[in-house]
C-alpha atoms as a PDB file:
ATOM      1  CA  MET A   1      -4.257 -36.113 -13.884  1.00  0.00           C
ATOM      2  CA  SER A   2      -2.403 -34.704 -16.341  1.00  0.00           C
ATOM      3  CA  GLY A   3       0.088 -31.939 -16.268  1.00  0.00           C
ATOM      4  CA  ASN A   4      -2.383 -29.523 -17.616  1.00  0.00           C
ATOM      5  CA  TYR A   5      -5.100 -29.396 -15.043  1.00  0.00           C
ATOM      6  CA  ILE A   6      -6.813 -25.784 -13.785  1.00  0.00           C
ATOM      7  CA  PRO A   7      -8.555 -26.708 -11.170  1.00  0.00           C
ATOM      8  CA  SER A   8     -12.174 -25.089 -11.955  1.00  0.00           C
ATOM      9  CA  HIS A   9     -13.048 -23.435  -8.852  1.00  0.00           C
ATOM     10  CA  TYR A  10     -10.167 -21.409 -10.193  1.00  0.00           C
ATOM     11  CA  LEU A  11     -11.949 -20.447 -13.105  1.00  0.00           C
ATOM     12  CA  PRO A  12     -13.657 -17.269 -11.944  1.00  0.00           C
ATOM     13  CA  VAL A  13     -10.748 -15.687 -10.310  1.00  0.00           C
ATOM     14  CA  ILE A  14      -8.403 -16.230 -13.606  1.00  0.00           C
ATOM     15  CA  SER A  15     -11.744 -14.943 -16.031  1.00  0.00           C
ATOM     16  CA  ILE A  16     -12.287 -11.868 -14.263  1.00  0.00           C
ATOM     17  CA  LEU A  17      -8.801 -11.026 -13.564  1.00  0.00           C
ATOM     18  CA  ALA A  18      -8.074 -11.440 -17.450  1.00  0.00           C
ATOM     19  CA  PHE A  19     -11.178  -8.935 -17.897  1.00  0.00           C
ATOM     20  CA  SER A  20      -9.620  -6.563 -15.255  1.00  0.00           C
ATOM     21  CA  VAL A  21      -6.475  -6.501 -17.017  1.00  0.00           C
ATOM     22  CA  LEU A  22      -8.130  -6.496 -20.760  1.00  0.00           C
ATOM     23  CA  VAL A  23     -10.096  -3.136 -18.958  1.00  0.00           C
ATOM     24  CA  GLY A  24      -6.766  -1.449 -18.209  1.00  0.00           C
ATOM     25  CA  LEU A  25      -5.521  -1.798 -21.241  1.00  0.00           C
ATOM     26  CA  GLY A  26      -8.390  -0.961 -23.360  1.00  0.00           C
ATOM     27  CA  ALA A  27      -8.731   2.301 -21.428  1.00  0.00           C
ATOM     28  CA  LEU A  28      -5.248   2.967 -21.873  1.00  0.00           C
ATOM     29  CA  ILE A  29      -4.995   2.328 -25.592  1.00  0.00           C
ATOM     30  CA  ALA A  30      -8.591   4.673 -26.084  1.00  0.00           C
ATOM     31  CA  GLY A  31      -6.786   7.454 -24.369  1.00  0.00           C
ATOM     32  CA  LEU A  32      -4.096   7.060 -26.544  1.00  0.00           C
ATOM     33  CA  LEU A  33      -6.396   7.281 -29.604  1.00  0.00           C
ATOM     34  CA  VAL A  34      -8.529   9.553 -28.521  1.00  0.00           C
ATOM     35  CA  ARG A  35      -6.326  12.177 -26.778  1.00  0.00           C
ATOM     36  CA  PRO A  36      -5.714  15.401 -28.247  1.00  0.00           C
ATOM     37  CA  ARG A  37      -1.976  15.465 -29.019  1.00  0.00           C
ATOM     38  CA  ARG A  38      -0.696  19.685 -29.039  1.00  0.00           C
ATOM     39  CA  PRO A  39       2.862  19.465 -27.198  1.00  0.00           C
ATOM     40  CA  TYR A  40       4.402  22.792 -26.695  1.00  0.00           C
ATOM     41  CA  GLU A  41       7.321  24.093 -24.579  1.00  0.00           C
ATOM     42  CA  GLN A  42       5.092  25.533 -22.108  1.00  0.00           C
ATOM     43  CA  LYS A  43       2.878  22.638 -21.567  1.00  0.00           C
ATOM     44  CA  LEU A  44       6.085  20.053 -21.272  1.00  0.00           C
ATOM     45  CA  ALA A  45       8.014  22.361 -18.130  1.00  0.00           C
ATOM     46  CA  PRO A  46       8.160  20.301 -15.104  1.00  0.00           C
ATOM     47  CA  TYR A  47       6.304  22.168 -12.396  1.00  0.00           C
ATOM     48  CA  GLU A  48       5.541  21.888  -8.683  1.00  0.00           C
ATOM     49  CA  SER A  49       2.270  22.764  -7.647  1.00  0.00           C
ATOM     50  CA  GLY A  50       1.676  26.093 -10.504  1.00  0.00           C
ATOM     51  CA  ASN A  51       5.249  26.867  -9.629  1.00  0.00           C
ATOM     52  CA  LEU A  52       8.473  26.384 -11.533  1.00  0.00           C
ATOM     53  CA  PRO A  53      11.386  24.288 -10.054  1.00  0.00           C
ATOM     54  CA  VAL A  54      13.912  26.096  -8.133  1.00  0.00           C
ATOM     55  CA  GLY A  55      17.256  24.023  -7.562  1.00  0.00           C
ATOM     56  CA  GLU A  56      18.575  20.704  -6.959  1.00  0.00           C
ATOM     57  CA  PRO A  57      15.707  18.207  -7.825  1.00  0.00           C
ATOM     58  CA  ARG A  58      17.832  15.902  -5.536  1.00  0.00           C
ATOM     59  CA  TYR A  59      16.943  18.413  -2.419  1.00  0.00           C
ATOM     60  CA  ARG A  60      17.127  17.509   1.076  1.00  0.00           C
ATOM     61  CA  PHE A  61      13.524  18.263   2.775  1.00  0.00           C
ATOM     62  CA  SER A  62      13.475  19.440   6.258  1.00  0.00           C
ATOM     63  CA  VAL A  63      12.404  17.316   9.298  1.00  0.00           C
ATOM     64  CA  LYS A  64       9.760  19.207  10.014  1.00  0.00           C
ATOM     65  CA  PHE A  65       8.538  18.388   6.675  1.00  0.00           C
ATOM     66  CA  TYR A  66       7.937  14.698   7.992  1.00  0.00           C
ATOM     67  CA  ILE A  67       6.781  15.799  11.276  1.00  0.00           C
ATOM     68  CA  VAL A  68       3.910  17.658  10.001  1.00  0.00           C
ATOM     69  CA  ALA A  69       3.113  14.571   7.206  1.00  0.00           C
ATOM     70  CA  MET A  70       2.870  12.349  10.713  1.00  0.00           C
ATOM     71  CA  LEU A  71       0.752  14.411  12.456  1.00  0.00           C
ATOM     72  CA  PHE A  72      -1.652  14.598   9.801  1.00  0.00           C
ATOM     73  CA  VAL A  73      -1.788  11.047   9.637  1.00  0.00           C
ATOM     74  CA  VAL A  74      -2.398  10.527  13.381  1.00  0.00           C
ATOM     75  CA  PHE A  75      -4.875  13.120  13.360  1.00  0.00           C
ATOM     76  CA  ASP A  76      -6.730  12.149  10.269  1.00  0.00           C
ATOM     77  CA  VAL A  77      -6.771   8.267  12.021  1.00  0.00           C
ATOM     78  CA  GLU A  78      -8.795   9.872  15.078  1.00  0.00           C
ATOM     79  CA  ALA A  79     -11.060  11.822  12.605  1.00  0.00           C
ATOM     80  CA  VAL A  80     -11.717   7.760  11.317  1.00  0.00           C
ATOM     81  CA  PHE A  81     -12.296   6.636  14.887  1.00  0.00           C
ATOM     82  CA  LEU A  82     -14.576   9.393  15.472  1.00  0.00           C
ATOM     83  CA  TYR A  83     -17.502   8.517  13.109  1.00  0.00           C
ATOM     84  CA  PRO A  84     -18.022   4.657  14.117  1.00  0.00           C
ATOM     85  CA  TRP A  85     -17.986   5.795  17.469  1.00  0.00           C
ATOM     86  CA  ALA A  86     -20.665   8.421  16.937  1.00  0.00           C
ATOM     87  CA  VAL A  87     -22.672   6.233  14.460  1.00  0.00           C
ATOM     88  CA  ALA A  88     -22.880   3.441  17.790  1.00  0.00           C
ATOM     89  CA  TYR A  89     -22.783   6.839  20.698  1.00  0.00           C
ATOM     90  CA  ASP A  90     -26.701   5.441  22.090  1.00  0.00           C
ATOM     91  CA  ARG A  91     -26.039   1.676  21.871  1.00  0.00           C
ATOM     92  CA  LEU A  92     -22.319   2.288  23.711  1.00  0.00           C
ATOM     93  CA  GLY A  93     -23.813   4.400  26.553  1.00  0.00           C
ATOM     94  CA  LEU A  94     -21.538   5.703  29.357  1.00  0.00           C
ATOM     95  CA  PHE A  95     -18.755   3.151  28.923  1.00  0.00           C
ATOM     96  CA  GLY A  96     -17.951   3.746  25.231  1.00  0.00           C
ATOM     97  CA  PHE A  97     -18.556   7.791  26.177  1.00  0.00           C
ATOM     98  CA  VAL A  98     -15.643   7.293  28.594  1.00  0.00           C
ATOM     99  CA  GLU A  99     -13.385   5.121  26.785  1.00  0.00           C
ATOM    100  CA  MET A 100     -13.953   8.010  23.384  1.00  0.00           C
ATOM    101  CA  MET A 101     -13.152  10.603  26.104  1.00  0.00           C
ATOM    102  CA  ILE A 102      -9.625   8.881  27.211  1.00  0.00           C
ATOM    103  CA  PHE A 103      -8.711   8.504  23.544  1.00  0.00           C
ATOM    104  CA  ILE A 104      -9.479  11.762  22.601  1.00  0.00           C
ATOM    105  CA  VAL A 105      -7.177  13.150  25.754  1.00  0.00           C
ATOM    106  CA  ILE A 106      -4.374  11.174  24.988  1.00  0.00           C
ATOM    107  CA  LEU A 107      -4.664  12.573  21.202  1.00  0.00           C
ATOM    108  CA  LEU A 108      -5.037  16.137  22.805  1.00  0.00           C
ATOM    109  CA  VAL A 109      -2.122  15.820  24.971  1.00  0.00           C
ATOM    110  CA  GLY A 110       0.216  14.333  21.947  1.00  0.00           C
ATOM    111  CA  TYR A 111      -1.178  17.382  20.122  1.00  0.00           C
ATOM    112  CA  VAL A 112      -0.002  20.025  23.057  1.00  0.00           C
ATOM    113  CA  TYR A 113       3.081  18.310  23.373  1.00  0.00           C
ATOM    114  CA  ALA A 114       3.673  18.787  19.355  1.00  0.00           C
ATOM    115  CA  TRP A 115       2.838  22.072  19.802  1.00  0.00           C
ATOM    116  CA  LYS A 116       4.754  22.948  22.684  1.00  0.00           C
ATOM    117  CA  LYS A 117       8.123  21.351  21.190  1.00  0.00           C
ATOM    118  CA  GLY A 118       7.465  23.287  17.955  1.00  0.00           C
ATOM    119  CA  ALA A 119       6.532  20.850  15.561  1.00  0.00           C
ATOM    120  CA  LEU A 120       3.558  22.877  14.217  1.00  0.00           C
ATOM    121  CA  THR A 121       5.648  26.668  13.293  1.00  0.00           C
ATOM    122  CA  TRP A 122       6.852  26.158   9.928  1.00  0.00           C
ATOM    123  CA  GLU A 123       9.824  28.483   8.437  1.00  0.00           C
END
């Protein structure tokens, strides 16, 4: 074997990787060449959700912000688990129904706990 041997079964992977890099670079270059360039002061100003920024950029967010974000993720994951259960509901029978009701009750207990602790109130 020589020092520059490349196994032939890696060739499709390398070609797809090279093709995807070329497509990505091609899209970026085409965007640079085609897009209109009309910068002006208001367009170049930083903004956040349509509002002008106020205060320092290193402002500390309240812990409530992160708690609400985590609760959103938890209940979003609940919705992800409900869809496949609903699709396979007739095959799961009573056992699947009881298991999902236990899952929903556990999530509702967590939701009520967060509500009672004031995690969902925004100041």
